[in-house]
Amino acid sequence: MEVEMRDSSSDFGSGNGSPEYQNVPIGEVVRLAAVDNDLFARTFFPSTVRQRSPLFHFEMDSRLDNPAMRKVNLRCFRGSAKTTKLRLFTAKRIAYGISRTILHIGASESKASQSIMWLRSKIGAQMNAAGVRVRPLFSQAFDLSFEKETETELRIKHGVTGETTWVLGVGITGDSIRGINFDDYRPDLIILDDIVTDENAAGAEQREKISNLVLGAILNSLAPESEAPNAKVALLQTPLHNDDVSARAARSPDWNTATFGCWTRSTENFPDDLKQSIWEERYPTRELKRQKQEAAAINALSVFMREMECKLTSSEVCPFKPEWLKYREGAVPLRGIAVLAIDPVPPPSDQAIARALKGNDFEAQVVWRRFGGNYHLIECVTNKGHEPSWSVTTALSLAYKHRVSRIVLQNIQYERTLKWLLEQEMKRRRVYYMLVDTSTKAIQKSKYNRIVSAFQGPASQGHIFVDKSQMDFINQFVEFKLGIDHDDILDSSANALMELINPHLELGEDEYAEMWEDDVPKISFQRACP
């Protein structure tokens, strides 16, 4: 049999546009699709796979297909096509006779039923425009038919081999989830499709129940390796809590875990203006950044980070709460006292150069202004790597632009060198700013304690103001916890606040900063006639 392979939504061959697959015998396509998941999906399910496949989908496929990975835990952002990938994976296992007993578990029976009905529609005969019932290409190519079909259960017959594959869809809280056994065969494929919801992740007791069920009864029902070498459990989940079942599986060495947030891995730790979407065609970078700024503006940043970045914040481990931040309305205040704080990057070690500076912090320079008892982040500038000339030029430019009263550094390690470079450049320009050493204020304090002590008081009382576009600071504030990888902006900001939270500045602000000419009430008077 020959068929003309056309896909109205995209070309074949990993999204590369491969015309050589047109007018190819179906048997050859079946053989090629066995090692090319994208070709398999676009050939047999063109209405399902309508856009070019992103690179992270191929990584998901490689983990799902790898027989050495019996327990796969993929933590994926909302909208990453988790359910679609699991449906296609299940269809391929059925088509090539890899699985004979499949248990598909959803958050509820109705959710699982949707996937069963999708599979049913791809195998059962459908009425075409001419009123004739025809079998879909998928069931024709692999000679599949039904021995039994309901909304939650399928019994699929392979015409070539005569083997039968059972597929059962159940909800995670269903009564029939334990002791699954078809014709004396235990499941050799268990699909766990987004089983954790906001409802069953809300309470500790519910989370414990789901975790014990998955990691206990369900996992133990998987066919043994001696009987089914390709048996697999696939858990795809958007993480909702630091102690949900996907988080527990991630902490176990028995599970192969990978996380796919909405940003590419190479840019996910960069400042927001440098981040790139992991799926540009479906979620353009520009739109993701706009959504994140909007979430920050309505105090829903933690929701965006959880749903789209797969990053969880928790009051148990994070000292700062997102709602503590106040978002500035209107123009930046021009009055008050401003300081510039610098957290530089020292010269890279040989090891850092060898890994192309991966994991190194950014240099951060921040300007904070105190006005009316509040603290405003005026500007934040970051730079990757060690560039002394950039550090000096940027610092003096920011100092001049915002009329800062002083420049704050810690007089330790490389910052001593930067302090000397600033002094030399100020001499050359004949422009001078006070250089303040904050190392004595932070003595015997770890960086974590220094940042917490600087921010927790004013932030918890609603005195920290930022602009909703200053996402780099907002990210680090919301994510900050002990052991976090990147805290350079918070570190420099803590030094600035330690300088601004000064009882001596209270007098100056009250007497001078807040009583400007336009604040003085006008006195009405009338001239007396002679």
Protein backbone atom coordinates (compact mmCIF):
# COMPACT_ATOMS: atom_id res chain seq x y z
CA MET A 1 0.00 0.00 0.00
CA GLU A 2 1.21 3.47 -0.84
CA VAL A 3 -0.19 6.69 0.55
CA GLU A 4 0.70 10.27 -0.19
CA MET A 5 2.18 11.67 3.02
CA ARG A 6 1.00 15.24 3.36
CA ASP A 7 0.75 17.32 6.53
CA SER A 8 -1.11 20.60 6.16
CA SER A 9 0.39 22.04 9.35
CA SER A 10 4.08 21.23 9.00
CA ASP A 11 6.64 19.17 7.14
CA PHE A 12 8.04 15.87 8.33
CA GLY A 13 11.37 15.08 9.83
CA SER A 14 11.85 16.84 13.20
CA GLY A 15 10.23 19.99 11.89
CA ASN A 16 12.97 20.52 9.30
CA GLY A 17 10.76 20.33 6.25
CA SER A 18 11.65 17.03 4.57
CA PRO A 19 9.94 16.58 1.18
CA GLU A 20 11.61 13.18 0.74
CA TYR A 21 8.86 11.63 2.90
CA GLN A 22 6.14 12.42 0.39
CA ASN A 23 4.90 9.46 -1.68
CA VAL A 24 6.93 7.05 0.46
CA PRO A 25 5.51 3.54 1.02
CA ILE A 26 3.71 3.41 4.35
CA GLY A 27 5.83 0.48 5.50
CA GLU A 28 8.97 2.56 5.12
CA VAL A 29 7.40 5.46 7.01
CA VAL A 30 6.45 3.06 9.81
CA ARG A 31 10.07 1.93 10.07
CA LEU A 32 11.41 5.50 10.07
CA ALA A 33 8.82 6.65 12.61
CA ALA A 34 10.01 4.00 15.05
CA VAL A 35 13.13 6.12 15.70
CA ASP A 36 11.69 9.56 14.89
CA ASN A 37 8.91 10.60 17.25
CA ASP A 38 8.27 13.84 15.39
CA LEU A 39 7.77 11.97 12.11
CA PHE A 40 5.46 9.52 13.91
CA ALA A 41 3.36 12.34 15.35
CA ARG A 42 3.14 14.44 12.19
CA THR A 43 2.38 11.47 9.94
CA PHE A 44 -0.40 9.89 11.95
CA PHE A 45 -1.71 12.78 14.08
CA PRO A 46 -1.36 15.98 11.98
CA SER A 47 -4.36 17.65 13.62
CA THR A 48 -2.74 17.17 17.04
CA VAL A 49 0.78 18.35 16.20
CA ARG A 50 0.08 21.62 14.42
CA GLN A 51 3.18 23.69 15.28
CA ARG A 52 6.88 23.15 14.83
CA SER A 53 8.18 21.02 17.69
CA PRO A 54 10.46 22.85 20.15
CA LEU A 55 13.81 21.35 21.09
CA PHE A 56 12.76 20.51 24.64
CA HIS A 57 10.11 18.12 23.26
CA PHE A 58 12.89 16.02 21.76
CA GLU A 59 14.59 15.86 25.16
CA MET A 60 11.30 14.75 26.70
CA ASP A 61 11.01 12.05 24.03
CA SER A 62 14.53 10.79 24.66
CA ARG A 63 13.79 10.31 28.36
CA LEU A 64 10.43 8.66 27.74
CA ASP A 65 11.84 6.30 25.11
CA ASN A 66 14.96 5.32 27.04
CA PRO A 67 14.35 1.78 28.44
CA ALA A 68 17.05 2.34 31.08
CA MET A 69 14.86 5.03 32.67
CA ARG A 70 12.03 3.05 34.29
CA LYS A 71 10.82 5.97 36.42
CA VAL A 72 10.64 9.29 34.58
CA ASN A 73 9.60 12.48 36.37
CA LEU A 74 9.25 15.50 34.06
CA ARG A 75 8.35 18.79 35.74
CA CYS A 76 6.96 20.99 32.98
CA PHE A 77 5.47 24.47 32.74
CA ARG A 78 1.77 24.97 32.17
CA GLY A 79 1.02 24.75 28.46
CA SER A 80 4.10 22.70 27.57
CA ALA A 81 1.92 20.02 25.89
CA LYS A 82 2.36 17.45 28.67
CA THR A 83 -0.90 15.65 27.94
CA THR A 84 -0.28 15.68 24.19
CA LYS A 85 3.21 14.21 24.61
CA LEU A 86 1.85 11.46 26.85
CA ARG A 87 -0.94 10.63 24.39
CA LEU A 88 1.55 10.37 21.51
CA PHE A 89 3.92 8.30 23.66
CA THR A 90 1.09 5.93 24.56
CA ALA A 91 0.01 5.64 20.93
CA LYS A 92 3.54 4.76 19.86
CA ARG A 93 3.89 2.08 22.56
CA ILE A 94 0.62 0.57 21.32
CA ALA A 95 1.52 0.84 17.63
CA TYR A 96 4.87 -0.93 17.93
CA GLY A 97 3.64 -3.52 20.44
CA ILE A 98 5.90 -2.33 23.26
CA SER A 99 3.13 -2.32 25.87
CA ARG A 100 0.27 -4.74 26.38
CA THR A 101 -1.19 -3.33 29.61
CA ILE A 102 -1.40 0.46 30.02
CA LEU A 103 -2.73 2.34 33.04
CA HIS A 104 -3.49 6.01 32.32
CA ILE A 105 -4.05 8.00 35.52
CA GLY A 106 -5.37 11.55 35.49
CA ALA A 107 -6.33 14.04 38.19
CA SER A 108 -9.87 12.63 37.86
CA GLU A 109 -11.56 9.88 35.90
CA SER A 110 -13.04 12.44 33.50
CA LYS A 111 -9.55 13.81 32.76
CA ALA A 112 -8.22 10.31 32.11
CA SER A 113 -11.28 9.58 29.97
CA GLN A 114 -10.45 12.49 27.66
CA SER A 115 -7.14 10.83 26.74
CA ILE A 116 -8.82 7.44 26.30
CA MET A 117 -11.41 9.00 24.01
CA TRP A 118 -8.67 10.77 22.02
CA LEU A 119 -6.95 7.43 21.43
CA ARG A 120 -10.29 5.83 20.58
CA SER A 121 -10.94 8.47 17.90
CA LYS A 122 -7.54 7.77 16.28
CA ILE A 123 -8.24 4.04 15.92
CA GLY A 124 -11.98 3.68 15.35
CA ALA A 125 -13.57 4.23 11.96
CA GLN A 126 -14.92 7.75 11.30
CA MET A 127 -17.54 9.06 8.93
CA ASN A 128 -15.98 11.13 6.12
CA ALA A 129 -17.53 13.96 4.10
CA ALA A 130 -19.00 11.45 1.63
CA GLY A 131 -20.80 9.60 4.40
CA VAL A 132 -18.49 6.60 4.23
CA ARG A 133 -16.89 5.18 7.37
CA VAL A 134 -13.12 5.01 6.97
CA ARG A 135 -10.36 3.98 9.33
CA PRO A 136 -7.81 6.65 10.28
CA LEU A 137 -4.34 6.29 8.79
CA PHE A 138 -2.94 5.35 12.22
CA SER A 139 -5.14 2.26 12.58
CA GLN A 140 -4.62 1.32 8.91
CA ALA A 141 -0.82 1.56 9.06
CA PHE A 142 -0.53 -0.58 12.20
CA ASP A 143 -3.67 -2.69 11.55
CA LEU A 144 -5.36 -1.81 14.85
CA SER A 145 -8.96 -2.53 15.77
CA PHE A 146 -11.11 -2.72 18.89
CA GLU A 147 -12.20 -5.80 20.77
CA LYS A 148 -13.71 -3.55 23.44
CA GLU A 149 -14.18 0.20 23.65
CA THR A 150 -15.68 2.37 26.37
CA GLU A 151 -14.96 5.86 27.64
CA THR A 152 -12.43 4.56 30.17
CA GLU A 153 -11.30 1.21 28.78
CA LEU A 154 -9.96 -0.01 25.43
CA ARG A 155 -8.99 -3.48 24.26
CA ILE A 156 -6.94 -3.05 21.07
CA LYS A 157 -6.21 -5.93 18.68
CA HIS A 158 -3.03 -5.94 16.53
CA GLY A 159 -3.95 -7.52 13.21
CA VAL A 160 -0.36 -8.41 12.33
CA THR A 161 0.76 -10.07 15.57
CA GLY A 162 -2.64 -11.01 16.99
CA GLU A 163 -1.60 -9.51 20.35
CA THR A 164 -4.00 -7.48 22.48
CA THR A 165 -3.24 -4.26 24.35
CA TRP A 166 -5.38 -3.13 27.27
CA VAL A 167 -5.71 0.58 28.10
CA LEU A 168 -7.50 1.70 31.26
CA GLY A 169 -8.14 5.31 32.33
CA VAL A 170 -8.73 6.09 36.00
CA GLY A 171 -8.60 9.06 38.35
CA ILE A 172 -5.89 9.32 40.99
CA THR A 173 -8.50 9.09 43.74
CA GLY A 174 -10.50 6.29 42.12
CA ASP A 175 -11.36 3.10 44.00
CA SER A 176 -10.15 0.82 41.17
CA ILE A 177 -6.62 2.18 41.06
CA ARG A 178 -5.05 -0.58 43.16
CA GLY A 179 -4.32 -4.12 42.03
CA ILE A 180 -4.67 -3.49 38.28
CA ASN A 181 -4.29 -6.78 36.40
CA PHE A 182 -5.36 -7.64 32.83
CA ASP A 183 -5.27 -11.29 31.80
CA ASP A 184 -2.71 -11.96 34.53
CA TYR A 185 -0.48 -9.11 33.33
CA ARG A 186 0.42 -6.16 35.50
CA PRO A 187 0.78 -2.74 33.81
CA ASP A 188 4.00 -2.30 31.83
CA LEU A 189 3.24 1.39 31.26
CA ILE A 190 1.80 3.69 33.91
CA ILE A 191 1.01 7.24 32.81
CA LEU A 192 0.57 9.89 35.52
CA ASP A 193 -0.77 12.96 33.73
CA ASP A 194 -0.84 16.13 35.87
CA ILE A 195 -2.38 14.29 38.81
CA VAL A 196 -1.60 17.02 41.36
CA THR A 197 -4.11 19.87 41.36
CA ASP A 198 -4.54 23.00 43.43
CA GLU A 199 -7.16 21.15 45.46
CA ASN A 200 -5.24 17.99 46.33
CA ALA A 201 -1.98 19.93 46.85
CA ALA A 202 -3.50 22.42 49.29
CA GLY A 203 -3.32 20.34 52.49
CA ALA A 204 -0.47 18.32 53.96
CA GLU A 205 -2.75 15.33 54.50
CA GLN A 206 -3.88 15.31 50.87
CA ARG A 207 -0.32 15.67 49.57
CA GLU A 208 0.78 12.81 51.81
CA LYS A 209 -2.08 10.62 50.56
CA ILE A 210 -1.26 11.23 46.87
CA SER A 211 2.47 10.73 47.40
CA ASN A 212 2.00 7.49 49.35
CA LEU A 213 -0.40 6.19 46.70
CA VAL A 214 1.94 6.92 43.77
CA LEU A 215 5.24 6.00 45.42
CA GLY A 216 3.68 2.97 47.09
CA ALA A 217 0.72 1.11 45.59
CA ILE A 218 0.93 2.44 42.03
CA LEU A 219 4.68 2.14 41.67
CA ASN A 220 4.62 -1.38 43.10
CA SER A 221 1.98 -2.42 40.57
CA LEU A 222 4.41 -1.85 37.67
CA ALA A 223 5.42 -5.07 35.94
CA PRO A 224 8.85 -6.29 37.15
CA GLU A 225 11.90 -5.72 34.96
CA SER A 226 12.46 -9.47 34.63
CA GLU A 227 9.05 -9.79 32.97
CA ALA A 228 8.87 -6.48 31.11
CA PRO A 229 12.31 -4.92 30.42
CA ASN A 230 10.67 -1.86 28.81
CA ALA A 231 8.19 -1.25 31.64
CA LYS A 232 7.95 2.42 32.59
CA VAL A 233 6.27 4.92 34.89
CA ALA A 234 5.97 8.40 33.37
CA LEU A 235 5.00 11.25 35.69
CA LEU A 236 4.50 14.59 33.94
CA GLN A 237 3.48 17.38 36.28
CA THR A 238 3.48 21.13 36.72
CA PRO A 239 4.94 21.43 40.24
CA LEU A 240 2.52 23.00 42.71
CA HIS A 241 4.18 22.50 46.09
CA ASN A 242 7.64 21.82 47.49
CA ASP A 243 6.33 18.58 48.98
CA ASP A 244 4.02 17.27 46.25
CA VAL A 245 4.66 13.89 44.64
CA SER A 246 6.80 15.31 41.81
CA ALA A 247 8.98 17.14 44.34
CA ARG A 248 9.43 13.95 46.37
CA ALA A 249 10.26 11.96 43.23
CA ALA A 250 12.80 14.64 42.28
CA ARG A 251 14.61 14.07 45.58
CA SER A 252 14.82 10.32 44.95
CA PRO A 253 17.81 8.91 43.02
CA ASP A 254 15.53 6.17 41.64
CA TRP A 255 13.66 8.65 39.47
CA ASN A 256 15.06 10.32 36.37
CA THR A 257 13.95 13.93 36.83
CA ALA A 258 14.13 16.89 34.48
CA THR A 259 12.58 20.34 34.74
CA PHE A 260 11.37 22.37 31.76
CA GLY A 261 10.46 25.98 32.58
CA CYS A 262 9.27 28.51 30.02
CA TRP A 263 12.79 29.95 29.52
CA THR A 264 15.67 28.22 27.77
CA ARG A 265 18.15 26.58 30.10
CA SER A 266 20.96 28.79 28.82
CA THR A 267 19.09 31.98 29.75
CA GLU A 268 16.80 31.02 32.67
CA ASN A 269 19.22 32.47 35.25
CA PHE A 270 19.93 35.62 33.26
CA PRO A 271 18.23 38.97 33.93
CA ASP A 272 14.75 39.09 32.46
CA ASP A 273 15.71 41.27 29.50
CA LEU A 274 18.13 38.53 28.34
CA LYS A 275 15.82 35.54 28.81
CA GLN A 276 14.50 33.66 25.79
CA SER A 277 11.36 31.56 25.46
CA ILE A 278 11.86 27.80 25.30
CA TRP A 279 9.01 27.61 22.74
CA GLU A 280 9.18 30.81 20.74
CA GLU A 281 6.54 29.88 18.19
CA ARG A 282 3.83 29.20 20.78
CA TYR A 283 4.98 31.52 23.59
CA PRO A 284 6.92 34.48 22.16
CA THR A 285 9.56 35.91 24.49
CA ARG A 286 7.98 39.34 24.32
CA GLU A 287 4.60 37.99 25.44
CA LEU A 288 6.07 35.95 28.31
CA LYS A 289 7.89 39.01 29.65
CA ARG A 290 4.70 41.06 29.42
CA GLN A 291 2.75 38.39 31.32
CA LYS A 292 5.39 38.28 34.02
CA GLN A 293 5.36 42.06 34.49
CA GLU A 294 1.58 42.01 34.66
CA ALA A 295 1.70 39.23 37.27
CA ALA A 296 4.14 41.27 39.35
CA ALA A 297 1.89 44.32 39.14
CA ILE A 298 -1.09 42.44 40.61
CA ASN A 299 0.98 40.61 43.26
CA ALA A 300 0.69 37.29 41.44
CA LEU A 301 4.35 36.84 40.56
CA SER A 302 4.66 33.68 42.63
CA VAL A 303 1.83 32.14 40.56
CA PHE A 304 3.60 32.95 37.29
CA MET A 305 6.88 31.57 38.64
CA ARG A 306 5.16 28.36 39.72
CA GLU A 307 3.07 27.81 36.59
CA MET A 308 5.51 29.00 33.92
CA GLU A 309 9.01 28.87 35.43
CA CYS A 310 8.49 25.78 37.61
CA LYS A 311 9.90 27.71 40.57
CA LEU A 312 8.17 27.40 43.91
CA THR A 313 8.29 29.94 46.69
CA SER A 314 7.32 28.97 50.21
CA SER A 315 7.00 30.96 53.41
CA GLU A 316 8.70 28.07 55.19
CA VAL A 317 11.98 28.56 53.30
CA CYS A 318 11.75 32.11 51.87
CA PRO A 319 12.17 35.03 54.31
CA PHE A 320 10.41 37.54 52.04
CA LYS A 321 6.81 37.57 50.83
CA PRO A 322 5.91 38.86 47.35
CA GLU A 323 3.11 41.02 48.74
CA TRP A 324 5.62 43.01 50.81
CA LEU A 325 6.84 44.81 47.71
CA LYS A 326 5.06 48.03 46.81
CA TYR A 327 4.84 49.04 43.18
CA ARG A 328 5.48 52.65 42.38
CA GLU A 329 2.75 54.64 40.70
CA GLY A 330 3.83 57.75 38.90
CA ALA A 331 7.29 59.22 38.50
CA VAL A 332 10.41 58.29 40.44
CA PRO A 333 10.93 60.69 43.38
CA LEU A 334 13.67 63.20 42.69
CA ARG A 335 14.11 64.34 46.26
CA GLY A 336 15.63 62.60 49.21
CA ILE A 337 19.04 60.99 49.61
CA ALA A 338 20.36 58.55 47.00
CA VAL A 339 23.24 56.09 47.22
CA LEU A 340 24.88 53.82 44.68
CA ALA A 341 25.90 50.32 45.78
CA ILE A 342 28.12 47.97 43.80
CA ASP A 343 28.46 44.19 43.98
CA PRO A 344 31.33 43.54 41.53
CA VAL A 345 32.49 40.30 39.95
CA PRO A 346 36.10 39.34 40.72
CA PRO A 347 38.47 38.06 38.00
CA PRO A 348 37.35 34.56 36.96
CA SER A 349 39.30 31.51 38.03
CA ASP A 350 40.71 29.02 35.53
CA GLN A 351 37.84 26.66 36.36
CA ALA A 352 35.25 29.38 35.67
CA ILE A 353 36.86 30.19 32.32
CA ALA A 354 36.87 26.51 31.41
CA ARG A 355 33.10 26.31 31.93
CA ALA A 356 32.55 29.58 30.01
CA LEU A 357 31.56 31.47 33.21
CA LYS A 358 28.48 29.27 33.58
CA GLY A 359 27.05 29.75 37.05
CA ASN A 360 29.01 32.94 37.75
CA ASP A 361 27.16 35.90 39.24
CA PHE A 362 26.47 39.14 37.41
CA GLU A 363 27.97 42.39 38.56
CA ALA A 364 25.16 44.52 39.97
CA GLN A 365 25.06 48.28 40.46
CA VAL A 366 21.92 49.70 42.09
CA VAL A 367 20.75 53.18 43.01
CA TRP A 368 18.37 53.49 45.97
CA ARG A 369 16.74 56.69 47.18
CA ARG A 370 15.18 57.41 50.56
CA PHE A 371 12.28 59.83 50.51
CA GLY A 372 9.35 60.31 52.89
CA GLY A 373 10.37 57.35 55.04
CA ASN A 374 10.25 54.99 52.04
CA TYR A 375 13.05 53.34 50.04
CA HIS A 376 12.87 53.42 46.24
CA LEU A 377 14.88 51.31 43.82
CA ILE A 378 15.70 53.91 41.18
CA GLU A 379 17.87 51.98 38.73
CA CYS A 380 19.54 48.58 38.50
CA VAL A 381 22.27 47.70 36.01
CA THR A 382 23.89 44.27 35.63
CA ASN A 383 26.74 42.88 33.55
CA LYS A 384 28.03 39.35 33.05
CA GLY A 385 31.70 38.77 33.79
CA HIS A 386 34.65 40.78 35.03
CA GLU A 387 35.12 44.12 33.20
CA PRO A 388 36.79 46.77 35.43
CA SER A 389 36.47 49.54 32.83
CA TRP A 390 32.71 48.89 32.56
CA SER A 391 32.41 48.90 36.35
CA VAL A 392 34.12 52.27 36.76
CA THR A 393 32.41 53.98 33.82
CA THR A 394 28.95 52.74 34.77
CA ALA A 395 29.36 53.63 38.44
CA LEU A 396 30.37 57.23 37.77
CA SER A 397 27.65 57.63 35.13
CA LEU A 398 24.96 56.41 37.54
CA ALA A 399 26.34 58.56 40.34
CA TYR A 400 26.18 61.67 38.16
CA LYS A 401 22.78 60.83 36.65
CA HIS A 402 21.03 60.36 40.00
CA ARG A 403 23.08 62.83 42.07
CA VAL A 404 24.00 60.22 44.63
CA SER A 405 25.50 61.33 47.93
CA ARG A 406 27.89 58.38 48.18
CA ILE A 407 29.04 55.12 46.59
CA VAL A 408 28.83 52.04 48.79
CA LEU A 409 31.25 49.10 48.63
CA GLN A 410 32.56 46.48 50.98
CA ASN A 411 36.27 46.98 51.48
CA ILE A 412 37.08 43.29 51.05
CA GLN A 413 38.78 41.17 48.42
CA TYR A 414 38.36 42.47 44.84
CA GLU A 415 36.22 45.41 45.98
CA ARG A 416 39.37 46.99 47.40
CA THR A 417 40.78 47.01 43.88
CA LEU A 418 37.58 48.48 42.45
CA LYS A 419 37.63 51.17 45.14
CA TRP A 420 41.15 52.12 44.08
CA LEU A 421 40.15 52.19 40.39
CA LEU A 422 37.22 54.50 41.20
CA GLU A 423 39.48 56.84 43.17
CA GLN A 424 41.93 57.08 40.28
CA GLU A 425 39.19 57.76 37.75
CA MET A 426 37.61 60.42 39.97
CA LYS A 427 40.97 62.15 40.23
CA ARG A 428 41.34 62.09 36.47
CA ARG A 429 37.84 63.51 35.92
CA ARG A 430 38.05 65.88 38.90
CA VAL A 431 34.64 64.66 40.00
CA TYR A 432 34.47 63.24 43.50
CA TYR A 433 32.01 61.07 45.42
CA MET A 434 32.32 59.74 48.93
CA LEU A 435 33.26 56.04 48.92
CA VAL A 436 31.70 54.28 51.91
CA ASP A 437 33.00 51.00 53.33
CA THR A 438 30.11 48.87 54.63
CA SER A 439 32.23 45.89 55.65
CA THR A 440 32.35 47.03 59.29
CA LYS A 441 28.52 47.15 59.42
CA ALA A 442 28.28 43.59 58.16
CA ILE A 443 30.96 42.20 60.43
CA GLN A 444 30.29 38.65 61.72
CA LYS A 445 27.19 38.44 59.50
CA SER A 446 26.78 35.95 56.68
CA LYS A 447 25.54 37.31 53.37
CA TYR A 448 22.17 35.65 53.95
CA ASN A 449 21.73 37.27 57.37
CA ARG A 450 22.90 40.62 56.07
CA ILE A 451 20.32 40.62 53.26
CA VAL A 452 17.52 39.46 55.58
CA SER A 453 18.31 42.03 58.26
CA ALA A 454 18.47 44.86 55.71
CA PHE A 455 15.21 44.07 53.93
CA GLN A 456 12.90 42.29 56.34
CA GLY A 457 12.06 45.28 58.53
CA PRO A 458 11.26 47.96 55.92
CA ALA A 459 9.80 45.48 53.42
CA SER A 460 7.39 43.87 55.90
CA GLN A 461 6.13 47.35 56.81
CA GLY A 462 5.52 48.34 53.20
CA HIS A 463 8.42 50.76 52.77
CA ILE A 464 10.20 49.13 49.78
CA PHE A 465 9.05 50.57 46.45
CA VAL A 466 9.99 49.31 42.99
CA ASP A 467 8.78 49.71 39.45
CA LYS A 468 6.98 46.69 37.99
CA SER A 469 9.49 46.66 35.11
CA GLN A 470 12.40 46.00 37.52
CA MET A 471 11.88 42.25 37.22
CA ASP A 472 15.47 41.24 37.98
CA PHE A 473 15.23 42.63 41.50
CA ILE A 474 11.68 41.34 41.96
CA ASN A 475 12.75 37.83 40.90
CA GLN A 476 15.60 37.70 43.40
CA PHE A 477 13.47 39.16 46.19
CA VAL A 478 10.69 36.60 45.73
CA GLU A 479 13.02 33.62 45.17
CA PHE A 480 15.57 34.49 47.86
CA LYS A 481 16.35 31.73 50.33
CA LEU A 482 19.36 30.10 51.92
CA GLY A 483 21.60 28.58 49.25
CA ILE A 484 20.10 30.41 46.25
CA ASP A 485 22.44 30.59 43.26
CA HIS A 486 22.05 34.26 42.28
CA ASP A 487 21.55 37.10 44.77
CA ASP A 488 23.87 39.80 43.39
CA ILE A 489 21.16 42.46 43.03
CA LEU A 490 19.82 41.77 46.53
CA ASP A 491 23.35 41.80 47.94
CA SER A 492 24.20 45.23 46.54
CA SER A 493 20.72 46.52 47.47
CA ALA A 494 21.21 45.35 51.07
CA ASN A 495 24.44 47.40 51.25
CA ALA A 496 22.56 50.44 49.95
CA LEU A 497 19.75 50.03 52.49
CA MET A 498 22.21 49.59 55.36
CA GLU A 499 23.61 52.99 54.43
CA LEU A 500 20.20 54.65 54.01
CA ILE A 501 18.66 53.22 57.19
CA ASN A 502 20.55 55.69 59.30
CA PRO A 503 19.15 57.71 62.22
CA HIS A 504 21.36 60.66 61.22
CA LEU A 505 19.52 60.87 57.90
CA GLU A 506 16.17 61.26 59.67
CA LEU A 507 17.02 64.79 60.81
CA GLY A 508 18.30 65.85 57.41
CA GLU A 509 15.28 64.45 55.62
CA ASP A 510 12.76 66.04 57.94
CA GLU A 511 14.37 69.46 58.02
CA TYR A 512 15.56 69.78 54.44
CA ALA A 513 14.41 67.10 52.05
CA GLU A 514 10.67 67.32 52.63
CA MET A 515 10.24 71.10 53.01
CA TRP A 516 10.77 72.36 49.52
CA GLU A 517 9.43 75.66 48.32
CA ASP A 518 6.38 74.20 46.62
CA ASP A 519 5.46 72.32 49.82
CA VAL A 520 5.22 75.48 51.94
CA PRO A 521 1.58 76.58 52.33
CA LYS A 522 0.77 79.94 50.79
CA ILE A 523 -0.24 82.72 53.20
CA SER A 524 -3.13 84.78 51.96
CA PHE A 525 -2.96 88.48 52.81
CA GLN A 526 -4.70 91.67 51.79
CA ARG A 527 -3.12 95.05 51.38
CA ALA A 528 -4.74 97.75 53.51
CA CYS A 529 -5.78 100.98 51.79
CA PRO A 530 -3.99 104.14 53.01
